[in-house]
Amino acid sequence: MSQHFQVIYENGLLRPLSPLDYPEKSVLEVDVRHVKENGKTSESSNASREHVREALRKAGLLSEPKFNLPKTKISDERRRELAEIFSAEKPLGDYIDEDREGRG
């Protein structure tokens, strides 16, 4: 039986953060992987995520986006201009309700 759990390293000992489902004095084999450092994900975690993404891509379960979004930020002024251009007189839901009533 295997069980995944997190531990904390304190005073030279690994202490599980939750109770384990093993009898006392059980001999267990442990693989240690650093999960976080100062609130940031460790390199090994990032590598694991990339490994999973690559496996999903190869299996055809993950596709690349068909377009690239610009990586530039929009200024507050331009954001206001776009809001004005694309704003509506009323909430979108009202337009949908009107359309449904027209079909009925």
C-alpha atoms as a PDB file:
ATOM      1  CA  MET A   1       0.000   0.000   0.000  1.00  0.00           C
ATOM      2  CA  SER A   2       1.296   3.491  -0.797  1.00  0.00           C
ATOM      3  CA  GLN A   3       0.161   6.800   0.582  1.00  0.00           C
ATOM      4  CA  HIS A   4       1.076  10.335  -0.468  1.00  0.00           C
ATOM      5  CA  PHE A   5       1.544  12.827   2.314  1.00  0.00           C
ATOM      6  CA  GLN A   6       3.479  15.978   3.146  1.00  0.00           C
ATOM      7  CA  VAL A   7       6.000  16.329   5.940  1.00  0.00           C
ATOM      8  CA  ILE A   8       7.783  19.194   7.614  1.00  0.00           C
ATOM      9  CA  TYR A   9      11.471  19.081   8.469  1.00  0.00           C
ATOM     10  CA  GLU A  10      11.977  20.221  12.078  1.00  0.00           C
ATOM     11  CA  ASN A  11      14.865  19.688  14.478  1.00  0.00           C
ATOM     12  CA  GLY A  12      16.469  17.132  12.171  1.00  0.00           C
ATOM     13  CA  LEU A  13      13.303  15.026  11.837  1.00  0.00           C
ATOM     14  CA  LEU A  14      10.638  14.614   9.164  1.00  0.00           C
ATOM     15  CA  ARG A  15       7.193  14.993  10.738  1.00  0.00           C
ATOM     16  CA  PRO A  16       4.026  14.144   8.743  1.00  0.00           C
ATOM     17  CA  LEU A  17       1.528  17.001   8.503  1.00  0.00           C
ATOM     18  CA  SER A  18      -1.390  14.553   8.721  1.00  0.00           C
ATOM     19  CA  PRO A  19      -1.884  11.167  10.405  1.00  0.00           C
ATOM     20  CA  LEU A  20      -0.564   8.155   8.493  1.00  0.00           C
ATOM     21  CA  ASP A  21      -2.515   4.965   7.896  1.00  0.00           C
ATOM     22  CA  TYR A  22       0.286   2.599   9.003  1.00  0.00           C
ATOM     23  CA  PRO A  23       0.782   0.609  12.208  1.00  0.00           C
ATOM     24  CA  GLU A  24       3.319   1.895  14.753  1.00  0.00           C
ATOM     25  CA  LYS A  25       6.954   0.951  14.043  1.00  0.00           C
ATOM     26  CA  SER A  26       6.213   0.239  10.364  1.00  0.00           C
ATOM     27  CA  VAL A  27       9.309   0.465   8.209  1.00  0.00           C
ATOM     28  CA  LEU A  28       8.565   2.798   5.289  1.00  0.00           C
ATOM     29  CA  GLU A  29      10.544   3.903   2.258  1.00  0.00           C
ATOM     30  CA  VAL A  30      10.483   7.655   1.686  1.00  0.00           C
ATOM     31  CA  ASP A  31      11.342   9.714  -1.404  1.00  0.00           C
ATOM     32  CA  VAL A  32      11.957  13.327  -0.462  1.00  0.00           C
ATOM     33  CA  ARG A  33      11.097  16.174  -2.840  1.00  0.00           C
ATOM     34  CA  HIS A  34      11.282  19.821  -1.839  1.00  0.00           C
ATOM     35  CA  VAL A  35       7.855  21.388  -2.448  1.00  0.00           C
ATOM     36  CA  LYS A  36       8.191  25.077  -1.555  1.00  0.00           C
ATOM     37  CA  GLU A  37      10.926  27.472  -0.647  1.00  0.00           C
ATOM     38  CA  ASN A  38       9.955  30.867   0.765  1.00  0.00           C
ATOM     39  CA  GLY A  39       6.488  30.526  -0.738  1.00  0.00           C
ATOM     40  CA  LYS A  40       7.814  29.735  -4.239  1.00  0.00           C
ATOM     41  CA  THR A  41       7.452  26.432  -6.037  1.00  0.00           C
ATOM     42  CA  SER A  42      10.749  24.591  -6.246  1.00  0.00           C
ATOM     43  CA  GLU A  43      12.506  23.843  -9.531  1.00  0.00           C
ATOM     44  CA  SER A  44      11.732  20.133  -9.176  1.00  0.00           C
ATOM     45  CA  SER A  45       8.004  20.921  -8.901  1.00  0.00           C
ATOM     46  CA  ASN A  46       8.197  23.082 -12.028  1.00  0.00           C
ATOM     47  CA  ALA A  47      10.082  20.315 -13.831  1.00  0.00           C
ATOM     48  CA  SER A  48       7.420  17.799 -12.752  1.00  0.00           C
ATOM     49  CA  ARG A  49       4.646  20.039 -14.069  1.00  0.00           C
ATOM     50  CA  GLU A  50       6.437  20.446 -17.400  1.00  0.00           C
ATOM     51  CA  HIS A  51       6.935  16.677 -17.584  1.00  0.00           C
ATOM     52  CA  VAL A  52       3.183  16.159 -17.093  1.00  0.00           C
ATOM     53  CA  ARG A  53       2.341  18.825 -19.707  1.00  0.00           C
ATOM     54  CA  GLU A  54       4.657  17.148 -22.212  1.00  0.00           C
ATOM     55  CA  ALA A  55       3.084  13.734 -21.562  1.00  0.00           C
ATOM     56  CA  LEU A  56      -0.399  15.227 -22.076  1.00  0.00           C
ATOM     57  CA  ARG A  57       0.734  16.890 -25.332  1.00  0.00           C
ATOM     58  CA  LYS A  58       2.185  13.618 -26.639  1.00  0.00           C
ATOM     59  CA  ALA A  59      -1.032  11.786 -25.761  1.00  0.00           C
ATOM     60  CA  GLY A  60      -3.041  14.396 -27.667  1.00  0.00           C
ATOM     61  CA  LEU A  61      -4.819  15.543 -24.518  1.00  0.00           C
ATOM     62  CA  LEU A  62      -3.324  19.030 -24.458  1.00  0.00           C
ATOM     63  CA  SER A  63      -3.090  21.353 -27.393  1.00  0.00           C
ATOM     64  CA  GLU A  64      -1.178  24.555 -27.901  1.00  0.00           C
ATOM     65  CA  PRO A  65      -3.215  27.760 -28.194  1.00  0.00           C
ATOM     66  CA  LYS A  66      -4.059  28.652 -31.789  1.00  0.00           C
ATOM     67  CA  PHE A  67      -3.137  32.286 -31.233  1.00  0.00           C
ATOM     68  CA  ASN A  68      -0.597  34.208 -29.219  1.00  0.00           C
ATOM     69  CA  LEU A  69      -1.836  36.935 -26.930  1.00  0.00           C
ATOM     70  CA  PRO A  70       0.285  40.063 -26.769  1.00  0.00           C
ATOM     71  CA  LYS A  71       2.511  40.212 -23.733  1.00  0.00           C
ATOM     72  CA  THR A  72       2.291  44.000 -23.449  1.00  0.00           C
ATOM     73  CA  LYS A  73       0.235  45.718 -20.785  1.00  0.00           C
ATOM     74  CA  ILE A  74      -2.574  48.078 -21.708  1.00  0.00           C
ATOM     75  CA  SER A  75      -2.388  51.577 -20.269  1.00  0.00           C
ATOM     76  CA  ASP A  76      -5.207  52.792 -18.054  1.00  0.00           C
ATOM     77  CA  GLU A  77      -6.124  55.367 -20.695  1.00  0.00           C
ATOM     78  CA  ARG A  78      -6.368  52.723 -23.449  1.00  0.00           C
ATOM     79  CA  ARG A  79      -8.356  50.453 -21.115  1.00  0.00           C
ATOM     80  CA  ARG A  80     -10.891  53.287 -20.601  1.00  0.00           C
ATOM     81  CA  GLU A  81     -11.063  53.875 -24.372  1.00  0.00           C
ATOM     82  CA  LEU A  82     -11.745  50.182 -25.007  1.00  0.00           C
ATOM     83  CA  ALA A  83     -14.341  50.075 -22.235  1.00  0.00           C
ATOM     84  CA  GLU A  84     -16.144  52.975 -23.895  1.00  0.00           C
ATOM     85  CA  ILE A  85     -15.992  51.314 -27.332  1.00  0.00           C
ATOM     86  CA  PHE A  86     -17.254  47.938 -26.141  1.00  0.00           C
ATOM     87  CA  SER A  87     -19.633  49.006 -23.391  1.00  0.00           C
ATOM     88  CA  ALA A  88     -23.338  48.419 -23.740  1.00  0.00           C
ATOM     89  CA  GLU A  89     -26.315  50.378 -22.514  1.00  0.00           C
ATOM     90  CA  LYS A  90     -27.443  47.530 -20.289  1.00  0.00           C
ATOM     91  CA  PRO A  91     -26.139  44.213 -18.938  1.00  0.00           C
ATOM     92  CA  LEU A  92     -25.587  41.386 -21.432  1.00  0.00           C
ATOM     93  CA  GLY A  93     -28.202  39.267 -19.648  1.00  0.00           C
ATOM     94  CA  ASP A  94     -30.895  41.777 -20.586  1.00  0.00           C
ATOM     95  CA  TYR A  95     -30.026  41.403 -24.283  1.00  0.00           C
ATOM     96  CA  ILE A  96     -30.177  37.621 -23.959  1.00  0.00           C
ATOM     97  CA  ASP A  97     -33.578  37.781 -22.238  1.00  0.00           C
ATOM     98  CA  GLU A  98     -34.915  40.051 -24.997  1.00  0.00           C
ATOM     99  CA  ASP A  99     -33.622  37.679 -27.670  1.00  0.00           C
ATOM    100  CA  ARG A 100     -35.267  34.681 -25.991  1.00  0.00           C
ATOM    101  CA  GLU A 101     -38.587  36.529 -25.640  1.00  0.00           C
ATOM    102  CA  GLY A 102     -38.478  37.410 -29.354  1.00  0.00           C
ATOM    103  CA  ARG A 103     -38.165  33.720 -30.257  1.00  0.00           C
ATOM    104  CA  GLY A 104     -40.990  32.572 -28.054  1.00  0.00           C
END
